[in-house]
Amino acid sequence: MPDFLLSSTELREPYNPRECFVIRRLRSEIRNDIALVKINPLLEKTVYNTKDDIEYLLLASKHAGYSLFPVTESPTYVYICTAKEPINPESDFISSSNIVILDWGKIVKE
């Protein structure tokens, strides 16, 4: 079962909601509530003009006082992000300079 469903709130041509499976919690210099998620189905590279299709995303709540650990409000509005460089699988830290915001979206619990 997915942890929640993700959809864009800003794209002109929105995509169908994606199932999100939380892989782990990450922290940066700025915040400690970034969710590394695997999405299903993946997003084709044309959606956000990325080099490759997207299978993993970084999500963080947009509004102060909201968190993804745990998700207590449905919907919760999020930043939809990716990493510029591969994420170290051994670490729970990601540099904020390695994070790129692709879009704004919302997550809903099923």
Protein backbone atom coordinates (compact mmCIF):
# COMPACT_ATOMS: atom_id res chain seq x y z
CA MET A 1 0.00 0.00 0.00
CA PRO A 2 1.31 3.46 -0.84
CA ASP A 3 1.86 5.94 1.99
CA PHE A 4 -0.03 8.63 0.06
CA LEU A 5 -0.88 9.93 -3.42
CA LEU A 6 0.91 12.89 -5.02
CA SER A 7 -0.37 15.29 -7.65
CA SER A 8 0.82 18.60 -9.06
CA THR A 9 -1.08 21.76 -8.23
CA GLU A 10 0.75 24.02 -10.69
CA LEU A 11 1.28 22.25 -14.03
CA ARG A 12 -0.83 23.36 -16.97
CA GLU A 13 -1.19 19.72 -18.00
CA PRO A 14 -1.39 17.87 -14.68
CA TYR A 15 -0.58 14.18 -14.50
CA ASN A 16 -2.58 11.45 -12.82
CA PRO A 17 -1.81 11.08 -9.10
CA ARG A 18 1.28 9.02 -8.31
CA GLU A 19 1.53 6.47 -5.53
CA CYS A 20 4.29 7.41 -3.10
CA PHE A 21 6.24 4.99 -0.95
CA VAL A 22 8.39 6.68 1.68
CA ILE A 23 11.94 5.29 1.52
CA ARG A 24 13.37 7.39 4.33
CA ARG A 25 13.48 10.72 6.09
CA LEU A 26 16.25 13.13 5.15
CA ARG A 27 17.51 16.35 6.68
CA SER A 28 19.36 19.34 5.28
CA GLU A 29 20.96 22.42 6.82
CA ILE A 30 17.53 24.08 6.71
CA ARG A 31 15.00 21.40 7.66
CA ASN A 32 14.74 17.87 8.98
CA ASP A 33 11.53 16.63 7.37
CA ILE A 34 12.34 15.81 3.75
CA ALA A 35 10.80 12.59 2.47
CA LEU A 36 12.64 10.51 -0.12
CA VAL A 37 9.84 8.70 -1.95
CA LYS A 38 9.60 6.17 -4.75
CA ILE A 39 6.71 6.95 -7.07
CA ASN A 40 4.54 4.66 -9.15
CA PRO A 41 4.21 5.01 -12.03
CA LEU A 42 7.35 6.99 -12.77
CA LEU A 43 7.16 10.43 -14.36
CA GLU A 44 8.38 10.72 -17.91
CA LYS A 45 11.26 13.15 -18.37
CA THR A 46 9.06 15.41 -20.51
CA VAL A 47 6.83 16.29 -17.51
CA TYR A 48 9.54 18.39 -15.81
CA ASN A 49 12.06 18.55 -18.66
CA THR A 50 14.58 16.40 -16.80
CA LYS A 51 17.42 14.38 -18.26
CA ASP A 52 15.86 11.05 -17.24
CA ASP A 53 12.49 9.66 -16.24
CA ILE A 54 11.80 10.23 -12.54
CA GLU A 55 11.34 7.29 -10.18
CA TYR A 56 12.35 9.00 -6.91
CA LEU A 57 11.37 12.41 -5.57
CA LEU A 58 12.09 14.53 -2.54
CA LEU A 59 9.01 15.98 -0.86
CA ALA A 60 8.79 18.61 1.87
CA SER A 61 5.77 20.37 3.32
CA LYS A 62 5.20 23.88 1.97
CA HIS A 63 3.60 25.35 5.06
CA ALA A 64 5.06 25.86 8.53
CA GLY A 65 3.63 23.56 11.14
CA TYR A 66 2.91 20.73 8.69
CA SER A 67 5.02 17.60 8.43
CA LEU A 68 5.19 14.40 6.44
CA PHE A 69 6.33 12.49 9.54
CA PRO A 70 3.54 11.65 10.07
CA VAL A 71 1.11 13.12 7.58
CA THR A 72 -1.68 14.48 9.77
CA GLU A 73 -3.57 16.67 7.29
CA SER A 74 -5.01 15.51 3.98
CA PRO A 75 -4.33 17.20 1.69
CA THR A 76 -0.88 18.44 2.67
CA TYR A 77 0.77 20.84 0.24
CA VAL A 78 4.37 20.04 -0.67
CA TYR A 79 7.40 21.08 -2.63
CA ILE A 80 8.12 18.46 -5.30
CA CYS A 81 11.89 18.23 -5.65
CA THR A 82 14.71 16.19 -7.08
CA ALA A 83 18.43 15.97 -6.38
CA LYS A 84 21.08 17.44 -8.68
CA GLU A 85 23.52 14.68 -7.71
CA PRO A 86 22.85 11.11 -6.53
CA ILE A 87 21.78 10.78 -2.91
CA ASN A 88 24.16 8.89 -0.65
CA PRO A 89 22.26 5.72 0.34
CA GLU A 90 24.27 5.52 3.59
CA SER A 91 23.33 8.99 4.84
CA ASP A 92 20.21 10.73 6.09
CA PHE A 93 21.66 14.13 5.10
CA ILE A 94 21.21 15.99 1.82
CA SER A 95 22.75 19.39 1.18
CA SER A 96 20.17 22.05 0.38
CA SER A 97 22.39 23.01 -2.59
CA ASN A 98 21.68 19.52 -4.01
CA ILE A 99 17.90 20.02 -3.97
CA VAL A 100 16.00 21.39 -6.97
CA ILE A 101 12.32 22.36 -6.66
CA LEU A 102 10.43 21.07 -9.69
CA ASP A 103 6.87 21.93 -8.76
CA TRP A 104 4.32 22.47 -6.03
CA GLY A 105 1.87 19.72 -5.29
CA LYS A 106 -0.33 18.06 -2.75
CA ILE A 107 -0.40 14.69 -1.10
CA VAL A 108 -3.50 12.90 0.09
CA LYS A 109 -3.86 9.82 2.24
CA GLU A 110 -5.85 7.06 0.57
